[in-house]
PDB file of N, CA and C in Angstrom:
ATOM      1  N   MET A   1      12.985-120.089 -16.678  1.00  0.00           N
ATOM      2  CA  MET A   1      14.376-121.184 -16.429  1.00  0.00           C
ATOM      3  C   MET A   1      15.036-120.471 -15.253  1.00  0.00           C
ATOM      4  N   GLU A   2      15.147-121.101 -14.202  1.00  0.00           N
ATOM      5  CA  GLU A   2      15.789-121.002 -13.047  1.00  0.00           C
ATOM      6  C   GLU A   2      17.276-120.265 -13.055  1.00  0.00           C
ATOM      7  N   ASN A   3      18.003-120.632 -14.103  1.00  0.00           N
ATOM      8  CA  ASN A   3      19.240-119.780 -14.327  1.00  0.00           C
ATOM      9  C   ASN A   3      18.916-118.408 -14.577  1.00  0.00           C
ATOM     10  N   GLU A   4      17.890-117.768 -15.187  1.00  0.00           N
ATOM     11  CA  GLU A   4      17.419-116.801 -15.534  1.00  0.00           C
ATOM     12  C   GLU A   4      16.920-115.709 -14.309  1.00  0.00           C
ATOM     13  N   LYS A   5      16.283-116.561 -13.531  1.00  0.00           N
ATOM     14  CA  LYS A   5      15.875-115.446 -12.236  1.00  0.00           C
ATOM     15  C   LYS A   5      16.748-114.719 -11.494  1.00  0.00           C
ATOM     16  N   GLN A   6      16.187-113.167 -10.933  1.00  0.00           N
ATOM     17  CA  GLN A   6      16.649-112.742 -10.273  1.00  0.00           C
ATOM     18  C   GLN A   6      17.497-113.434  -9.029  1.00  0.00           C
ATOM     19  N   LEU A   7      19.176-113.156  -8.473  1.00  0.00           N
ATOM     20  CA  LEU A   7      19.097-113.759  -7.607  1.00  0.00           C
ATOM     21  C   LEU A   7      19.905-112.924  -6.478  1.00  0.00           C
ATOM     22  N   THR A   8      19.410-112.853  -5.389  1.00  0.00           N
ATOM     23  CA  THR A   8      20.099-112.070  -4.168  1.00  0.00           C
ATOM     24  C   THR A   8      21.547-113.012  -3.290  1.00  0.00           C
ATOM     25  N   VAL A   9      22.323-112.866  -3.027  1.00  0.00           N
ATOM     26  CA  VAL A   9      23.390-113.155  -2.325  1.00  0.00           C
ATOM     27  C   VAL A   9      23.738-112.365  -0.995  1.00  0.00           C
ATOM     28  N   LEU A  10      23.747-113.053  -0.163  1.00  0.00           N
ATOM     29  CA  LEU A  10      23.998-112.712   1.504  1.00  0.00           C
ATOM     30  C   LEU A  10      25.405-113.700   1.428  1.00  0.00           C
ATOM     31  N   ALA A  11      26.603-112.559   1.509  1.00  0.00           N
ATOM     32  CA  ALA A  11      27.717-113.396   1.763  1.00  0.00           C
ATOM     33  C   ALA A  11      28.481-112.704   2.881  1.00  0.00           C
ATOM     34  N   ARG A  12      29.002-113.649   4.329  1.00  0.00           N
ATOM     35  CA  ARG A  12      29.461-112.876   5.256  1.00  0.00           C
ATOM     36  C   ARG A  12      30.659-113.577   5.226  1.00  0.00           C
ATOM     37  N   VAL A  13      31.664-112.750   5.780  1.00  0.00           N
ATOM     38  CA  VAL A  13      33.089-113.109   5.916  1.00  0.00           C
ATOM     39  C   VAL A  13      33.456-112.491   7.558  1.00  0.00           C
ATOM     40  N   ARG A  14      34.457-113.300   7.759  1.00  0.00           N
ATOM     41  CA  ARG A  14      34.842-113.002   9.484  1.00  0.00           C
ATOM     42  C   ARG A  14      36.357-112.763   9.369  1.00  0.00           C
ATOM     43  N   ALA A  15      36.872-111.669   9.543  1.00  0.00           N
ATOM     44  CA  ALA A  15      38.281-111.648   9.699  1.00  0.00           C
ATOM     45  C   ALA A  15      39.044-112.279  10.907  1.00  0.00           C
ATOM     46  N   ALA A  16      40.194-112.659  10.376  1.00  0.00           N
ATOM     47  CA  ALA A  16      41.203-113.393  11.438  1.00  0.00           C
ATOM     48  C   ALA A  16      41.594-112.457  12.505  1.00  0.00           C
ATOM     49  N   ALA A  17      41.636-112.678  13.656  1.00  0.00           N
ATOM     50  CA  ALA A  17      42.193-111.555  14.457  1.00  0.00           C
ATOM     51  C   ALA A  17      43.655-111.127  13.832  1.00  0.00           C
ATOM     52  N   GLY A  18      43.472-109.451  13.958  1.00  0.00           N
ATOM     53  CA  GLY A  18      44.709-108.760  13.497  1.00  0.00           C
ATOM     54  C   GLY A  18      44.864-108.370  11.651  1.00  0.00           C
ATOM     55  N   LYS A  19      43.909-109.420  11.366  1.00  0.00           N
ATOM     56  CA  LYS A  19      43.621-109.000   9.672  1.00  0.00           C
ATOM     57  C   LYS A  19      42.494-108.325   9.361  1.00  0.00           C
ATOM     58  N   GLU A  20      41.622-107.368   9.897  1.00  0.00           N
ATOM     59  CA  GLU A  20      40.410-106.751  10.185  1.00  0.00           C
ATOM     60  C   GLU A  20      40.173-105.934   8.743  1.00  0.00           C
ATOM     61  N   GLU A  21      41.670-104.775   8.963  1.00  0.00           N
ATOM     62  CA  GLU A  21      41.861-103.707   8.301  1.00  0.00           C
ATOM     63  C   GLU A  21      42.422-104.321   6.906  1.00  0.00           C
ATOM     64  N   GLU A  22      43.328-105.201   6.969  1.00  0.00           N
ATOM     65  CA  GLU A  22      43.637-105.842   5.598  1.00  0.00           C
ATOM     66  C   GLU A  22      42.188-106.525   4.845  1.00  0.00           C
ATOM     67  N   LEU A  23      41.565-107.123   5.413  1.00  0.00           N
ATOM     68  CA  LEU A  23      40.374-107.962   4.772  1.00  0.00           C
ATOM     69  C   LEU A  23      39.511-106.473   3.986  1.00  0.00           C
ATOM     70  N   TYR A  24      39.326-105.578   5.237  1.00  0.00           N
ATOM     71  CA  TYR A  24      38.689-104.235   4.776  1.00  0.00           C
ATOM     72  C   TYR A  24      38.990-103.695   3.622  1.00  0.00           C
ATOM     73  N   THR A  25      40.147-103.717   3.243  1.00  0.00           N
ATOM     74  CA  THR A  25      41.027-102.856   2.076  1.00  0.00           C
ATOM     75  C   THR A  25      40.347-103.833   1.149  1.00  0.00           C
ATOM     76  N   LEU A  26      40.799-104.882   1.069  1.00  0.00           N
ATOM     77  CA  LEU A  26      40.357-106.028  -0.079  1.00  0.00           C
ATOM     78  C   LEU A  26      39.066-106.166  -0.341  1.00  0.00           C
ATOM     79  N   LEU A  27      38.209-105.933   0.632  1.00  0.00           N
ATOM     80  CA  LEU A  27      37.034-106.042   0.251  1.00  0.00           C
ATOM     81  C   LEU A  27      36.206-104.827  -0.504  1.00  0.00           C
ATOM     82  N   THR A  28      36.812-103.842   0.196  1.00  0.00           N
ATOM     83  CA  THR A  28      36.092-102.330  -0.293  1.00  0.00           C
ATOM     84  C   THR A  28      36.879-101.993  -1.990  1.00  0.00           C
ATOM     85  N   GLY A  29      37.823-102.678  -2.290  1.00  0.00           N
ATOM     86  CA  GLY A  29      38.339-102.855  -3.710  1.00  0.00           C
ATOM     87  C   GLY A  29      37.707-103.171  -4.309  1.00  0.00           C
ATOM     88  N   MET A  30      36.676-104.309  -4.033  1.00  0.00           N
ATOM     89  CA  MET A  30      36.051-104.925  -5.136  1.00  0.00           C
ATOM     90  C   MET A  30      34.726-104.611  -5.275  1.00  0.00           C
ATOM     91  N   VAL A  31      34.430-103.341  -4.668  1.00  0.00           N
ATOM     92  CA  VAL A  31      33.121-102.930  -5.038  1.00  0.00           C
ATOM     93  C   VAL A  31      32.434-102.294  -5.933  1.00  0.00           C
ATOM     94  N   GLN A  32      33.574-101.299  -6.297  1.00  0.00           N
ATOM     95  CA  GLN A  32      33.253-100.440  -7.296  1.00  0.00           C
ATOM     96  C   GLN A  32      33.371-101.176  -8.826  1.00  0.00           C
ATOM     97  N   PRO A  33      34.270-102.281  -9.264  1.00  0.00           N
ATOM     98  CA  PRO A  33      34.166-102.779 -10.286  1.00  0.00           C
ATOM     99  C   PRO A  33      33.403-103.939 -10.410  1.00  0.00           C
ATOM    100  N   THR A  34      32.757-104.579  -9.224  1.00  0.00           N
ATOM    101  CA  THR A  34      31.463-105.665  -9.462  1.00  0.00           C
ATOM    102  C   THR A  34      30.533-104.490  -9.778  1.00  0.00           C
ATOM    103  N   ARG A  35      30.379-103.308  -9.003  1.00  0.00           N
ATOM    104  CA  ARG A  35      29.251-102.726  -9.537  1.00  0.00           C
ATOM    105  C   ARG A  35      29.143-102.366 -11.245  1.00  0.00           C
ATOM    106  N   THR A  36      30.354-102.431 -11.969  1.00  0.00           N
ATOM    107  CA  THR A  36      30.058-101.896 -12.988  1.00  0.00           C
ATOM    108  C   THR A  36      29.730-103.424 -14.106  1.00  0.00           C
ATOM    109  N   GLU A  37      30.088-104.700 -13.326  1.00  0.00           N
ATOM    110  CA  GLU A  37      30.080-105.958 -14.079  1.00  0.00           C
ATOM    111  C   GLU A  37      28.336-106.018 -14.378  1.00  0.00           C
ATOM    112  N   GLU A  38      28.524-106.518 -16.057  1.00  0.00           N
ATOM    113  CA  GLU A  38      26.860-106.967 -16.640  1.00  0.00           C
ATOM    114  C   GLU A  38      26.072-107.563 -15.684  1.00  0.00           C
ATOM    115  N   GLY A  39      24.951-107.360 -15.458  1.00  0.00           N
ATOM    116  CA  GLY A  39      24.000-108.091 -14.637  1.00  0.00           C
ATOM    117  C   GLY A  39      24.305-108.006 -13.399  1.00  0.00           C
ATOM    118  N   CYS A  40      24.962-106.999 -12.808  1.00  0.00           N
ATOM    119  CA  CYS A  40      24.958-106.680 -11.675  1.00  0.00           C
ATOM    120  C   CYS A  40      23.898-105.614 -10.940  1.00  0.00           C
ATOM    121  N   ILE A  41      23.008-105.993 -10.132  1.00  0.00           N
ATOM    122  CA  ILE A  41      21.926-105.063  -9.751  1.00  0.00           C
ATOM    123  C   ILE A  41      22.320-103.858  -8.760  1.00  0.00           C
ATOM    124  N   SER A  42      23.020-104.812  -7.925  1.00  0.00           N
ATOM    125  CA  SER A  42      23.525-104.129  -6.597  1.00  0.00           C
ATOM    126  C   SER A  42      24.503-104.861  -5.837  1.00  0.00           C
ATOM    127  N   TYR A  43      25.476-103.886  -5.051  1.00  0.00           N
ATOM    128  CA  TYR A  43      26.491-104.820  -4.856  1.00  0.00           C
ATOM    129  C   TYR A  43      26.902-104.193  -3.335  1.00  0.00           C
ATOM    130  N   ASP A  44      26.638-104.324  -2.050  1.00  0.00           N
ATOM    131  CA  ASP A  44      26.746-103.522  -1.066  1.00  0.00           C
ATOM    132  C   ASP A  44      27.365-104.230   0.164  1.00  0.00           C
ATOM    133  N   LEU A  45      28.449-103.666   0.868  1.00  0.00           N
ATOM    134  CA  LEU A  45      29.200-104.084   1.696  1.00  0.00           C
ATOM    135  C   LEU A  45      28.769-103.377   2.850  1.00  0.00           C
ATOM    136  N   HIS A  46      28.880-104.293   4.006  1.00  0.00           N
ATOM    137  CA  HIS A  46      28.489-103.792   5.421  1.00  0.00           C
ATOM    138  C   HIS A  46      29.492-104.298   6.143  1.00  0.00           C
ATOM    139  N   ARG A  47      29.768-103.621   7.572  1.00  0.00           N
ATOM    140  CA  ARG A  47      30.453-103.846   8.534  1.00  0.00           C
ATOM    141  C   ARG A  47      29.742-104.029   9.988  1.00  0.00           C
ATOM    142  N   GLY A  48      29.876-105.100  10.402  1.00  0.00           N
ATOM    143  CA  GLY A  48      29.683-105.094  11.850  1.00  0.00           C
ATOM    144  C   GLY A  48      29.664-104.246  12.715  1.00  0.00           C
ATOM    145  N   GLN A  49      28.335-103.488  13.408  1.00  0.00           N
ATOM    146  CA  GLN A  49      28.612-102.378  14.282  1.00  0.00           C
ATOM    147  C   GLN A  49      29.126-102.860  15.415  1.00  0.00           C
ATOM    148  N   GLU A  50      28.682-103.941  15.927  1.00  0.00           N
ATOM    149  CA  GLU A  50      28.935-104.552  17.269  1.00  0.00           C
ATOM    150  C   GLU A  50      30.283-105.505  17.027  1.00  0.00           C
ATOM    151  N   ASP A  51      30.616-106.137  16.035  1.00  0.00           N
ATOM    152  CA  ASP A  51      31.966-106.906  15.849  1.00  0.00           C
ATOM    153  C   ASP A  51      32.608-106.079  14.613  1.00  0.00           C
ATOM    154  N   PRO A  52      33.409-105.412  14.538  1.00  0.00           N
ATOM    155  CA  PRO A  52      34.331-104.849  13.217  1.00  0.00           C
ATOM    156  C   PRO A  52      35.004-105.828  12.658  1.00  0.00           C
ATOM    157  N   SER A  53      35.134-107.261  12.831  1.00  0.00           N
ATOM    158  CA  SER A  53      35.787-108.238  12.059  1.00  0.00           C
ATOM    159  C   SER A  53      34.967-108.717  11.133  1.00  0.00           C
ATOM    160  N   LEU A  54      33.337-108.528  11.239  1.00  0.00           N
ATOM    161  CA  LEU A  54      32.582-109.376  10.284  1.00  0.00           C
ATOM    162  C   LEU A  54      31.911-108.386   9.189  1.00  0.00           C
ATOM    163  N   PHE A  55      31.807-108.859   8.216  1.00  0.00           N
ATOM    164  CA  PHE A  55      31.575-108.238   6.893  1.00  0.00           C
ATOM    165  C   PHE A  55      30.332-108.721   6.129  1.00  0.00           C
ATOM    166  N   CYS A  56      29.291-108.176   5.498  1.00  0.00           N
ATOM    167  CA  CYS A  56      28.468-108.715   4.964  1.00  0.00           C
ATOM    168  C   CYS A  56      28.249-107.758   3.496  1.00  0.00           C
ATOM    169  N   PHE A  57      28.372-108.693   2.168  1.00  0.00           N
ATOM    170  CA  PHE A  57      27.708-108.586   1.013  1.00  0.00           C
ATOM    171  C   PHE A  57      26.210-108.637   0.800  1.00  0.00           C
ATOM    172  N   TYR A  58      25.541-107.793   0.436  1.00  0.00           N
ATOM    173  CA  TYR A  58      24.082-107.979   0.133  1.00  0.00           C
ATOM    174  C   TYR A  58      24.200-107.459  -1.368  1.00  0.00           C
ATOM    175  N   GLU A  59      23.837-108.688  -2.441  1.00  0.00           N
ATOM    176  CA  GLU A  59      24.419-108.560  -3.787  1.00  0.00           C
ATOM    177  C   GLU A  59      22.814-108.593  -4.521  1.00  0.00           C
ATOM    178  N   ASN A  60      22.630-108.319  -5.181  1.00  0.00           N
ATOM    179  CA  ASN A  60      21.783-108.474  -6.442  1.00  0.00           C
ATOM    180  C   ASN A  60      22.011-108.919  -7.766  1.00  0.00           C
ATOM    181  N   TRP A  61      21.851-110.217  -8.320  1.00  0.00           N
ATOM    182  CA  TRP A  61      22.171-110.347  -9.878  1.00  0.00           C
ATOM    183  C   TRP A  61      21.077-110.462 -10.743  1.00  0.00           C
ATOM    184  N   ARG A  62      21.449-110.291 -11.704  1.00  0.00           N
ATOM    185  CA  ARG A  62      19.948-110.611 -12.656  1.00  0.00           C
ATOM    186  C   ARG A  62      20.123-111.926 -12.803  1.00  0.00           C
ATOM    187  N   SER A  63      20.797-112.685 -12.999  1.00  0.00           N
ATOM    188  CA  SER A  63      20.597-114.285 -12.799  1.00  0.00           C
ATOM    189  C   SER A  63      22.043-114.843 -12.492  1.00  0.00           C
ATOM    190  N   ARG A  64      21.817-116.580 -12.340  1.00  0.00           N
ATOM    191  CA  ARG A  64      23.083-116.933 -11.506  1.00  0.00           C
ATOM    192  C   ARG A  64      24.359-117.036 -12.790  1.00  0.00           C
ATOM    193  N   LYS A  65      24.251-117.174 -13.971  1.00  0.00           N
ATOM    194  CA  LYS A  65      25.182-116.958 -14.798  1.00  0.00           C
ATOM    195  C   LYS A  65      25.858-116.092 -14.626  1.00  0.00           C
ATOM    196  N   ASP A  66      25.223-114.722 -14.159  1.00  0.00           N
ATOM    197  CA  ASP A  66      26.003-113.441 -13.874  1.00  0.00           C
ATOM    198  C   ASP A  66      26.640-113.509 -12.736  1.00  0.00           C
ATOM    199  N   LEU A  67      25.926-114.041 -11.831  1.00  0.00           N
ATOM    200  CA  LEU A  67      26.978-114.431 -10.499  1.00  0.00           C
ATOM    201  C   LEU A  67      28.042-115.198 -10.748  1.00  0.00           C
ATOM    202  N   ASP A  68      28.058-116.331 -11.696  1.00  0.00           N
ATOM    203  CA  ASP A  68      29.266-117.268 -12.172  1.00  0.00           C
ATOM    204  C   ASP A  68      30.245-116.778 -12.696  1.00  0.00           C
ATOM    205  N   ASP A  69      29.739-115.813 -13.543  1.00  0.00           N
ATOM    206  CA  ASP A  69      31.005-114.536 -14.207  1.00  0.00           C
ATOM    207  C   ASP A  69      31.692-113.912 -13.351  1.00  0.00           C
ATOM    208  N   HIS A  70      30.972-113.470 -12.158  1.00  0.00           N
ATOM    209  CA  HIS A  70      31.604-112.243 -10.902  1.00  0.00           C
ATOM    210  C   HIS A  70      32.514-113.692 -10.376  1.00  0.00           C
ATOM    211  N   PHE A  71      32.249-114.510  -9.840  1.00  0.00           N
ATOM    212  CA  PHE A  71      33.140-115.383  -9.557  1.00  0.00           C
ATOM    213  C   PHE A  71      34.531-115.494 -10.253  1.00  0.00           C
ATOM    214  N   ALA A  72      34.383-115.334 -11.561  1.00  0.00           N
ATOM    215  CA  ALA A  72      35.739-115.795 -12.452  1.00  0.00           C
ATOM    216  C   ALA A  72      36.433-114.288 -12.699  1.00  0.00           C
ATOM    217  N   THR A  73      36.070-113.097 -12.082  1.00  0.00           N
ATOM    218  CA  THR A  73      36.910-111.978 -12.344  1.00  0.00           C
ATOM    219  C   THR A  73      38.122-112.232 -11.603  1.00  0.00           C
ATOM    220  N   PRO A  74      39.092-111.379 -12.324  1.00  0.00           N
ATOM    221  CA  PRO A  74      40.416-111.393 -11.219  1.00  0.00           C
ATOM    222  C   PRO A  74      40.490-111.305 -10.012  1.00  0.00           C
ATOM    223  N   TYR A  75      39.830-110.217  -9.609  1.00  0.00           N
ATOM    224  CA  TYR A  75      39.539-109.299  -8.366  1.00  0.00           C
ATOM    225  C   TYR A  75      38.855-110.404  -7.279  1.00  0.00           C
ATOM    226  N   LEU A  76      37.881-111.264  -7.549  1.00  0.00           N
ATOM    227  CA  LEU A  76      37.265-112.189  -6.838  1.00  0.00           C
ATOM    228  C   LEU A  76      37.918-113.407  -6.629  1.00  0.00           C
ATOM    229  N   GLN A  77      38.775-113.919  -7.465  1.00  0.00           N
ATOM    230  CA  GLN A  77      39.901-114.662  -7.556  1.00  0.00           C
ATOM    231  C   GLN A  77      40.957-114.345  -6.655  1.00  0.00           C
ATOM    232  N   ALA A  78      41.492-113.196  -7.081  1.00  0.00           N
ATOM    233  CA  ALA A  78      42.897-112.865  -5.941  1.00  0.00           C
ATOM    234  C   ALA A  78      41.996-112.673  -4.591  1.00  0.00           C
ATOM    235  N   PHE A  79      40.711-112.607  -4.283  1.00  0.00           N
ATOM    236  CA  PHE A  79      40.260-112.327  -2.914  1.00  0.00           C
ATOM    237  C   PHE A  79      40.203-113.751  -2.323  1.00  0.00           C
ATOM    238  N   LEU A  80      39.797-114.482  -3.065  1.00  0.00           N
ATOM    239  CA  LEU A  80      39.546-116.268  -3.059  1.00  0.00           C
ATOM    240  C   LEU A  80      41.110-116.960  -2.741  1.00  0.00           C
ATOM    241  N   GLY A  81      42.133-116.458  -3.542  1.00  0.00           N
ATOM    242  CA  GLY A  81      42.938-116.730  -2.928  1.00  0.00           C
ATOM    243  C   GLY A  81      44.037-116.524  -1.686  1.00  0.00           C
ATOM    244  N   LYS A  82      43.521-115.279  -1.256  1.00  0.00           N
ATOM    245  CA  LYS A  82      43.887-114.849   0.015  1.00  0.00           C
ATOM    246  C   LYS A  82      42.861-115.065   1.421  1.00  0.00           C
ATOM    247  N   ALA A  83      41.963-115.607   0.838  1.00  0.00           N
ATOM    248  CA  ALA A  83      40.775-116.199   1.881  1.00  0.00           C
ATOM    249  C   ALA A  83      41.603-116.821   3.082  1.00  0.00           C
ATOM    250  N   GLY A  84      42.273-117.601   2.851  1.00  0.00           N
ATOM    251  CA  GLY A  84      42.912-118.416   3.769  1.00  0.00           C
ATOM    252  C   GLY A  84      43.556-117.558   5.001  1.00  0.00           C
ATOM    253  N   GLU A  85      44.298-116.641   4.468  1.00  0.00           N
ATOM    254  CA  GLU A  85      45.372-116.254   5.471  1.00  0.00           C
ATOM    255  C   GLU A  85      44.411-115.354   6.150  1.00  0.00           C
ATOM    256  N   LEU A  86      43.261-114.582   5.722  1.00  0.00           N
ATOM    257  CA  LEU A  86      42.520-113.390   6.235  1.00  0.00           C
ATOM    258  C   LEU A  86      41.229-113.711   6.932  1.00  0.00           C
ATOM    259  N   LEU A  87      40.786-114.998   6.848  1.00  0.00           N
ATOM    260  CA  LEU A  87      39.322-115.132   7.477  1.00  0.00           C
ATOM    261  C   LEU A  87      39.862-115.928   8.531  1.00  0.00           C
ATOM    262  N   ALA A  88      38.890-116.029   9.565  1.00  0.00           N
ATOM    263  CA  ALA A  88      38.532-116.805  10.767  1.00  0.00           C
ATOM    264  C   ALA A  88      37.851-118.047  10.580  1.00  0.00           C
ATOM    265  N   GLU A  89      37.584-118.188   9.678  1.00  0.00           N
ATOM    266  CA  GLU A  89      36.591-118.968   9.199  1.00  0.00           C
ATOM    267  C   GLU A  89      35.803-119.244   7.513  1.00  0.00           C
ATOM    268  N   PRO A  90      35.353-120.148   7.217  1.00  0.00           N
ATOM    269  CA  PRO A  90      34.808-120.102   5.816  1.00  0.00           C
ATOM    270  C   PRO A  90      33.987-119.270   5.696  1.00  0.00           C
ATOM    271  N   PRO A  91      33.925-118.620   4.232  1.00  0.00           N
ATOM    272  CA  PRO A  91      32.708-117.548   4.165  1.00  0.00           C
ATOM    273  C   PRO A  91      31.320-118.006   4.286  1.00  0.00           C
ATOM    274  N   ASP A  92      30.136-117.706   4.650  1.00  0.00           N
ATOM    275  CA  ASP A  92      28.942-117.943   4.574  1.00  0.00           C
ATOM    276  C   ASP A  92      28.335-117.332   3.655  1.00  0.00           C
ATOM    277  N   ILE A  93      27.678-118.446   2.477  1.00  0.00           N
ATOM    278  CA  ILE A  93      27.045-117.711   1.499  1.00  0.00           C
ATOM    279  C   ILE A  93      25.695-118.174   1.089  1.00  0.00           C
ATOM    280  N   THR A  94      24.535-117.564   1.244  1.00  0.00           N
ATOM    281  CA  THR A  94      23.687-118.085   0.995  1.00  0.00           C
ATOM    282  C   THR A  94      22.675-117.532  -0.181  1.00  0.00           C
ATOM    283  N   PHE A  95      22.114-118.043  -0.821  1.00  0.00           N
ATOM    284  CA  PHE A  95      21.470-117.930  -2.227  1.00  0.00           C
ATOM    285  C   PHE A  95      19.635-117.474  -2.030  1.00  0.00           C
ATOM    286  N   TRP A  96      19.206-116.452  -2.521  1.00  0.00           N
ATOM    287  CA  TRP A  96      17.538-115.811  -1.887  1.00  0.00           C
ATOM    288  C   TRP A  96      17.018-115.721  -3.342  1.00  0.00           C
ATOM    289  N   ASN A  97      15.644-115.883  -3.361  1.00  0.00           N
ATOM    290  CA  ASN A  97      14.898-115.441  -4.574  1.00  0.00           C
ATOM    291  C   ASN A  97      13.836-114.619  -4.049  1.00  0.00           C
ATOM    292  N   LYS A  98      13.799-113.330  -4.687  1.00  0.00           N
ATOM    293  CA  LYS A  98      12.443-112.456  -3.940  1.00  0.00           C
ATOM    294  C   LYS A  98      11.380-113.191  -4.195  1.00  0.00           C
ATOM    295  N   ILE A  99      10.489-112.715  -3.091  1.00  0.00           N
ATOM    296  CA  ILE A  99       9.187-113.275  -3.178  1.00  0.00           C
ATOM    297  C   ILE A  99       8.496-112.208  -3.634  1.00  0.00           C
TER     298      ILE A  99
END
C-alpha cells in the first residue's frame, strides 16, 4: 500500500529579513521532539553555508500516516502559526521514495 511506504521529505524554508535567528530557534526546538515521534526514522535540520537565511529539513518517515501525525503535533502547529511572520516565502516541501 502506498501509504505504508517509507517516505523522505525535503522541506526548505527561507527566513524573512531580520527573522533568521528567531526562525533558527523555532526550527531547532522541533528537532528533538520530532526525533522521538513514532514513525520518525531521521529528522535533520541544515542551514545554508552561503545563505544563512535558508534552512532545510531532511526527513525520513516510516509511512505517510506517520508524517501526517507529525503535522498534527503542537510544535509543528505552532511553527505553522508563526510561519507567515517568519518566512520570506512559502515553504518548499517535496516528497520522495527511495529507489
